[in-house]
């Protein structure tokens, strides 16, 4: 298995720049999502699920 550095070293400069930018953007996006409460939390209800298969998954 190759290391992250080996993968980055094999990329063209343009592709490497775009990959670094995408990682930074995803970190910013992930951090902002961590601060958004769920609708249930806003309504004062705790979300409980018996299994992971019951969790709603949405790709908006």
PDB file of N, CA and C in Angstrom:
ATOM      1  N   UNK A   1       0.853  -1.176   0.000  1.00  0.00           N
ATOM      2  CA  UNK A   1       0.000   0.000   0.000  1.00  0.00           C
ATOM      3  C   UNK A   1       0.900   1.240   0.000  1.00  0.00           C
ATOM      4  N   UNK A   2       0.561   2.204  -0.831  1.00  0.00           N
ATOM      5  CA  UNK A   2       1.362   3.424  -0.928  1.00  0.00           C
ATOM      6  C   UNK A   2       0.954   4.423   0.148  1.00  0.00           C
ATOM      7  N   UNK A   3       1.922   5.219   0.555  1.00  0.00           N
ATOM      8  CA  UNK A   3       1.628   6.253   1.543  1.00  0.00           C
ATOM      9  C   UNK A   3       1.014   7.458   0.844  1.00  0.00           C
ATOM     10  N   UNK A   4       0.429   8.321   1.621  1.00  0.00           N
ATOM     11  CA  UNK A   4      -0.155   9.541   1.058  1.00  0.00           C
ATOM     12  C   UNK A   4       0.909  10.354   0.348  1.00  0.00           C
ATOM     13  N   UNK A   5       2.096  10.425   0.936  1.00  0.00           N
ATOM     14  CA  UNK A   5       3.171  11.202   0.319  1.00  0.00           C
ATOM     15  C   UNK A   5       3.566  10.609  -1.030  1.00  0.00           C
ATOM     16  N   UNK A   6       3.622   9.287  -1.143  1.00  0.00           N
ATOM     17  CA  UNK A   6       3.949   8.644  -2.420  1.00  0.00           C
ATOM     18  C   UNK A   6       2.894   8.954  -3.473  1.00  0.00           C
ATOM     19  N   UNK A   7       1.642   8.967  -3.060  1.00  0.00           N
ATOM     20  CA  UNK A   7       0.562   9.295  -3.992  1.00  0.00           C
ATOM     21  C   UNK A   7       0.680  10.740  -4.442  1.00  0.00           C
ATOM     22  N   UNK A   8       0.913  11.653  -3.498  1.00  0.00           N
ATOM     23  CA  UNK A   8       1.070  13.069  -3.853  1.00  0.00           C
ATOM     24  C   UNK A   8       2.274  13.282  -4.764  1.00  0.00           C
ATOM     25  N   UNK A   9       3.371  12.596  -4.492  1.00  0.00           N
ATOM     26  CA  UNK A   9       4.577  12.741  -5.307  1.00  0.00           C
ATOM     27  C   UNK A   9       4.363  12.270  -6.739  1.00  0.00           C
ATOM     28  N   UNK A  10       3.459  11.318  -6.952  1.00  0.00           N
ATOM     29  CA  UNK A  10       3.218  10.796  -8.294  1.00  0.00           C
ATOM     30  C   UNK A  10       2.252  11.660  -9.103  1.00  0.00           C
ATOM     31  N   UNK A  11       1.622  12.639  -8.471  1.00  0.00           N
ATOM     32  CA  UNK A  11       0.658  13.509  -9.151  1.00  0.00           C
ATOM     33  C   UNK A  11       1.363  14.643  -9.883  1.00  0.00           C
ATOM     34  N   UNK A  12       0.716  15.107 -10.932  1.00  0.00           N
ATOM     35  CA  UNK A  12       1.212  16.305 -11.605  1.00  0.00           C
ATOM     36  C   UNK A  12       1.014  17.494 -10.665  1.00  0.00           C
ATOM     37  N   UNK A  13       1.782  18.571 -10.855  1.00  0.00           N
ATOM     38  CA  UNK A  13       1.623  19.740  -9.972  1.00  0.00           C
ATOM     39  C   UNK A  13       0.195  20.285  -9.944  1.00  0.00           C
ATOM     40  N   UNK A  14      -0.462  20.307 -11.099  1.00  0.00           N
ATOM     41  CA  UNK A  14      -1.837  20.825 -11.148  1.00  0.00           C
ATOM     42  C   UNK A  14      -2.795  19.912 -10.384  1.00  0.00           C
ATOM     43  N   UNK A  15      -2.657  18.610 -10.597  1.00  0.00           N
ATOM     44  CA  UNK A  15      -3.523  17.656  -9.906  1.00  0.00           C
ATOM     45  C   UNK A  15      -3.278  17.699  -8.400  1.00  0.00           C
ATOM     46  N   UNK A  16      -2.017  17.822  -7.986  1.00  0.00           N
ATOM     47  CA  UNK A  16      -1.676  17.911  -6.568  1.00  0.00           C
ATOM     48  C   UNK A  16      -2.311  19.149  -5.946  1.00  0.00           C
ATOM     49  N   UNK A  17      -2.223  20.282  -6.655  1.00  0.00           N
ATOM     50  CA  UNK A  17      -2.816  21.528  -6.158  1.00  0.00           C
ATOM     51  C   UNK A  17      -4.323  21.372  -5.986  1.00  0.00           C
ATOM     52  N   UNK A  18      -4.981  20.754  -6.974  1.00  0.00           N
ATOM     53  CA  UNK A  18      -6.431  20.547  -6.896  1.00  0.00           C
ATOM     54  C   UNK A  18      -6.801  19.591  -5.765  1.00  0.00           C
ATOM     55  N   UNK A  19      -5.999  18.564  -5.551  1.00  0.00           N
ATOM     56  CA  UNK A  19      -6.272  17.610  -4.474  1.00  0.00           C
ATOM     57  C   UNK A  19      -6.142  18.280  -3.111  1.00  0.00           C
ATOM     58  N   UNK A  20      -5.102  19.088  -2.951  1.00  0.00           N
ATOM     59  CA  UNK A  20      -4.910  19.798  -1.679  1.00  0.00           C
ATOM     60  C   UNK A  20      -6.069  20.752  -1.427  1.00  0.00           C
ATOM     61  N   UNK A  21      -6.506  21.444  -2.474  1.00  0.00           N
ATOM     62  CA  UNK A  21      -7.632  22.378  -2.335  1.00  0.00           C
ATOM     63  C   UNK A  21      -8.912  21.628  -1.965  1.00  0.00           C
ATOM     64  N   UNK A  22      -9.149  20.479  -2.589  1.00  0.00           N
ATOM     65  CA  UNK A  22     -10.352  19.695  -2.291  1.00  0.00           C
ATOM     66  C   UNK A  22     -10.354  19.207  -0.843  1.00  0.00           C
ATOM     67  N   UNK A  23      -9.192  18.790  -0.348  1.00  0.00           N
ATOM     68  CA  UNK A  23      -9.102  18.335   1.043  1.00  0.00           C
ATOM     69  C   UNK A  23      -9.394  19.485   1.993  1.00  0.00           C
ATOM     70  N   UNK A  24      -8.833  20.654   1.723  1.00  0.00           N
ATOM     71  CA  UNK A  24      -9.082  21.817   2.578  1.00  0.00           C
ATOM     72  C   UNK A  24     -10.563  22.197   2.570  1.00  0.00           C
ATOM     73  N   UNK A  25     -11.183  22.185   1.387  1.00  0.00           N
ATOM     74  CA  UNK A  25     -12.608  22.520   1.299  1.00  0.00           C
ATOM     75  C   UNK A  25     -13.459  21.505   2.050  1.00  0.00           C
ATOM     76  N   UNK A  26     -13.106  20.227   1.970  1.00  0.00           N
ATOM     77  CA  UNK A  26     -13.898  19.215   2.673  1.00  0.00           C
ATOM     78  C   UNK A  26     -13.741  19.355   4.184  1.00  0.00           C
ATOM     79  N   UNK A  27     -12.562  19.758   4.647  1.00  0.00           N
ATOM     80  CA  UNK A  27     -12.374  19.980   6.088  1.00  0.00           C
ATOM     81  C   UNK A  27     -13.234  21.136   6.574  1.00  0.00           C
ATOM     82  N   UNK A  28     -13.288  22.204   5.798  1.00  0.00           N
ATOM     83  CA  UNK A  28     -14.117  23.355   6.165  1.00  0.00           C
ATOM     84  C   UNK A  28     -15.585  22.940   6.199  1.00  0.00           C
ATOM     85  N   UNK A  29     -16.020  22.195   5.181  1.00  0.00           N
ATOM     86  CA  UNK A  29     -17.403  21.744   5.091  1.00  0.00           C
ATOM     87  C   UNK A  29     -17.746  20.812   6.251  1.00  0.00           C
ATOM     88  N   UNK A  30     -16.862  19.876   6.558  1.00  0.00           N
ATOM     89  CA  UNK A  30     -17.119  18.930   7.648  1.00  0.00           C
ATOM     90  C   UNK A  30     -17.217  19.653   8.986  1.00  0.00           C
ATOM     91  N   UNK A  31     -16.365  20.634   9.197  1.00  0.00           N
ATOM     92  CA  UNK A  31     -16.407  21.385  10.456  1.00  0.00           C
ATOM     93  C   UNK A  31     -17.710  22.158  10.591  1.00  0.00           C
ATOM     94  N   UNK A  32     -18.210  22.704   9.491  1.00  0.00           N
ATOM     95  CA  UNK A  32     -19.468  23.452   9.573  1.00  0.00           C
ATOM     96  C   UNK A  32     -20.645  22.518   9.811  1.00  0.00           C
ATOM     97  N   UNK A  33     -20.605  21.310   9.254  1.00  0.00           N
ATOM     98  CA  UNK A  33     -21.691  20.350   9.483  1.00  0.00           C
ATOM     99  C   UNK A  33     -21.754  19.910  10.939  1.00  0.00           C
ATOM    100  N   UNK A  34     -20.630  19.848  11.597  1.00  0.00           N
ATOM    101  CA  UNK A  34     -20.606  19.418  12.994  1.00  0.00           C
ATOM    102  C   UNK A  34     -21.329  20.399  13.900  1.00  0.00           C
ATOM    103  N   UNK A  35     -21.540  21.617  13.446  1.00  0.00           N
ATOM    104  CA  UNK A  35     -22.186  22.641  14.264  1.00  0.00           C
ATOM    105  C   UNK A  35     -23.667  22.831  13.936  1.00  0.00           C
ATOM    106  N   UNK A  36     -24.185  22.087  12.961  1.00  0.00           N
ATOM    107  CA  UNK A  36     -25.589  22.224  12.575  1.00  0.00           C
ATOM    108  C   UNK A  36     -26.409  21.182  13.339  1.00  0.00           C
ATOM    109  N   UNK A  37     -27.302  21.603  14.224  1.00  0.00           N
ATOM    110  CA  UNK A  37     -28.105  20.623  14.959  1.00  0.00           C
ATOM    111  C   UNK A  37     -29.148  19.972  14.047  1.00  0.00           C
ATOM    112  N   UNK A  38     -29.515  18.766  14.389  1.00  0.00           N
ATOM    113  CA  UNK A  38     -30.527  18.061  13.614  1.00  0.00           C
ATOM    114  C   UNK A  38     -31.903  18.643  13.922  1.00  0.00           C
ATOM    115  N   UNK A  39     -32.875  18.437  13.031  1.00  0.00           N
ATOM    116  CA  UNK A  39     -34.233  18.919  13.304  1.00  0.00           C
ATOM    117  C   UNK A  39     -34.802  18.348  14.603  1.00  0.00           C
ATOM    118  N   UNK A  40     -34.487  17.100  14.905  1.00  0.00           N
ATOM    119  CA  UNK A  40     -34.987  16.505  16.148  1.00  0.00           C
ATOM    120  C   UNK A  40     -34.417  17.218  17.364  1.00  0.00           C
ATOM    121  N   UNK A  41     -33.144  17.568  17.305  1.00  0.00           N
ATOM    122  CA  UNK A  41     -32.530  18.285  18.430  1.00  0.00           C
ATOM    123  C   UNK A  41     -33.161  19.652  18.592  1.00  0.00           C
ATOM    124  N   UNK A  42     -33.486  20.298  17.491  1.00  0.00           N
ATOM    125  CA  UNK A  42     -34.129  21.605  17.566  1.00  0.00           C
ATOM    126  C   UNK A  42     -35.518  21.513  18.180  1.00  0.00           C
ATOM    127  N   UNK A  43     -36.174  20.353  18.008  1.00  0.00           N
ATOM    128  CA  UNK A  43     -37.508  20.143  18.569  1.00  0.00           C
ATOM    129  C   UNK A  43     -37.456  19.545  19.969  1.00  0.00           C
ATOM    130  N   UNK A  44     -36.264  19.365  20.520  1.00  0.00           N
ATOM    131  CA  UNK A  44     -36.117  18.834  21.867  1.00  0.00           C
ATOM    132  C   UNK A  44     -36.271  17.335  21.964  1.00  0.00           C
ATOM    133  N   UNK A  45     -36.122  16.612  20.861  1.00  0.00           N
ATOM    134  CA  UNK A  45     -36.243  15.159  20.868  1.00  0.00           C
ATOM    135  C   UNK A  45     -34.877  14.533  20.616  1.00  0.00           C
ATOM    136  N   UNK A  46     -34.601  13.453  21.309  1.00  0.00           N
ATOM    137  CA  UNK A  46     -33.348  12.725  21.097  1.00  0.00           C
ATOM    138  C   UNK A  46     -33.546  11.728  19.967  1.00  0.00           C
ATOM    139  N   UNK A  47     -32.564  11.655  19.080  1.00  0.00           N
ATOM    140  CA  UNK A  47     -32.622  10.675  18.000  1.00  0.00           C
ATOM    141  C   UNK A  47     -32.005   9.377  18.496  1.00  0.00           C
ATOM    142  N   UNK A  48     -32.774   8.301  18.464  1.00  0.00           N
ATOM    143  CA  UNK A  48     -32.244   7.000  18.849  1.00  0.00           C
ATOM    144  C   UNK A  48     -32.569   6.007  17.751  1.00  0.00           C
ATOM    145  N   UNK A  49     -31.615   5.140  17.470  1.00  0.00           N
ATOM    146  CA  UNK A  49     -31.791   4.126  16.443  1.00  0.00           C
ATOM    147  C   UNK A  49     -31.311   2.800  17.004  1.00  0.00           C
ATOM    148  N   UNK A  50     -32.047   1.727  16.696  1.00  0.00           N
ATOM    149  CA  UNK A  50     -31.648   0.407  17.163  1.00  0.00           C
ATOM    150  C   UNK A  50     -30.443  -0.122  16.396  1.00  0.00           C
ATOM    151  N   UNK A  51     -30.320   0.279  15.145  1.00  0.00           N
ATOM    152  CA  UNK A  51     -29.182  -0.168  14.346  1.00  0.00           C
ATOM    153  C   UNK A  51     -28.830   0.907  13.329  1.00  0.00           C
ATOM    154  N   UNK A  52     -27.659   0.773  12.754  1.00  0.00           N
ATOM    155  CA  UNK A  52     -27.230   1.750  11.756  1.00  0.00           C
ATOM    156  C   UNK A  52     -28.115   1.724  10.515  1.00  0.00           C
ATOM    157  N   UNK A  53     -28.732   0.585  10.229  1.00  0.00           N
ATOM    158  CA  UNK A  53     -29.570   0.488   9.038  1.00  0.00           C
ATOM    159  C   UNK A  53     -30.827   1.343   9.145  1.00  0.00           C
ATOM    160  N   UNK A  54     -31.201   1.744  10.364  1.00  0.00           N
ATOM    161  CA  UNK A  54     -32.387   2.581  10.542  1.00  0.00           C
ATOM    162  C   UNK A  54     -32.084   4.066  10.381  1.00  0.00           C
ATOM    163  N   UNK A  55     -30.808   4.431  10.377  1.00  0.00           N
ATOM    164  CA  UNK A  55     -30.449   5.842  10.298  1.00  0.00           C
ATOM    165  C   UNK A  55     -30.771   6.388   8.916  1.00  0.00           C
ATOM    166  N   UNK A  56     -31.445   7.527   8.864  1.00  0.00           N
ATOM    167  CA  UNK A  56     -31.741   8.118   7.558  1.00  0.00           C
ATOM    168  C   UNK A  56     -30.469   8.667   6.932  1.00  0.00           C
ATOM    169  N   UNK A  57     -30.287   8.380   5.658  1.00  0.00           N
ATOM    170  CA  UNK A  57     -29.125   8.886   4.934  1.00  0.00           C
ATOM    171  C   UNK A  57     -29.638   9.743   3.794  1.00  0.00           C
ATOM    172  N   UNK A  58     -29.152  10.959   3.734  1.00  0.00           N
ATOM    173  CA  UNK A  58     -29.611  11.889   2.709  1.00  0.00           C
ATOM    174  C   UNK A  58     -28.415  12.517   2.032  1.00  0.00           C
ATOM    175  N   UNK A  59     -28.433  12.534   0.724  1.00  0.00           N
ATOM    176  CA  UNK A  59     -27.403  13.207  -0.055  1.00  0.00           C
ATOM    177  C   UNK A  59     -28.070  14.325  -0.816  1.00  0.00           C
ATOM    178  N   UNK A  60     -28.039  15.513  -0.244  1.00  0.00           N
ATOM    179  CA  UNK A  60     -28.715  16.650  -0.865  1.00  0.00           C
ATOM    180  C   UNK A  60     -27.785  17.430  -1.752  1.00  0.00           C
TER     181      UNK A  60
END
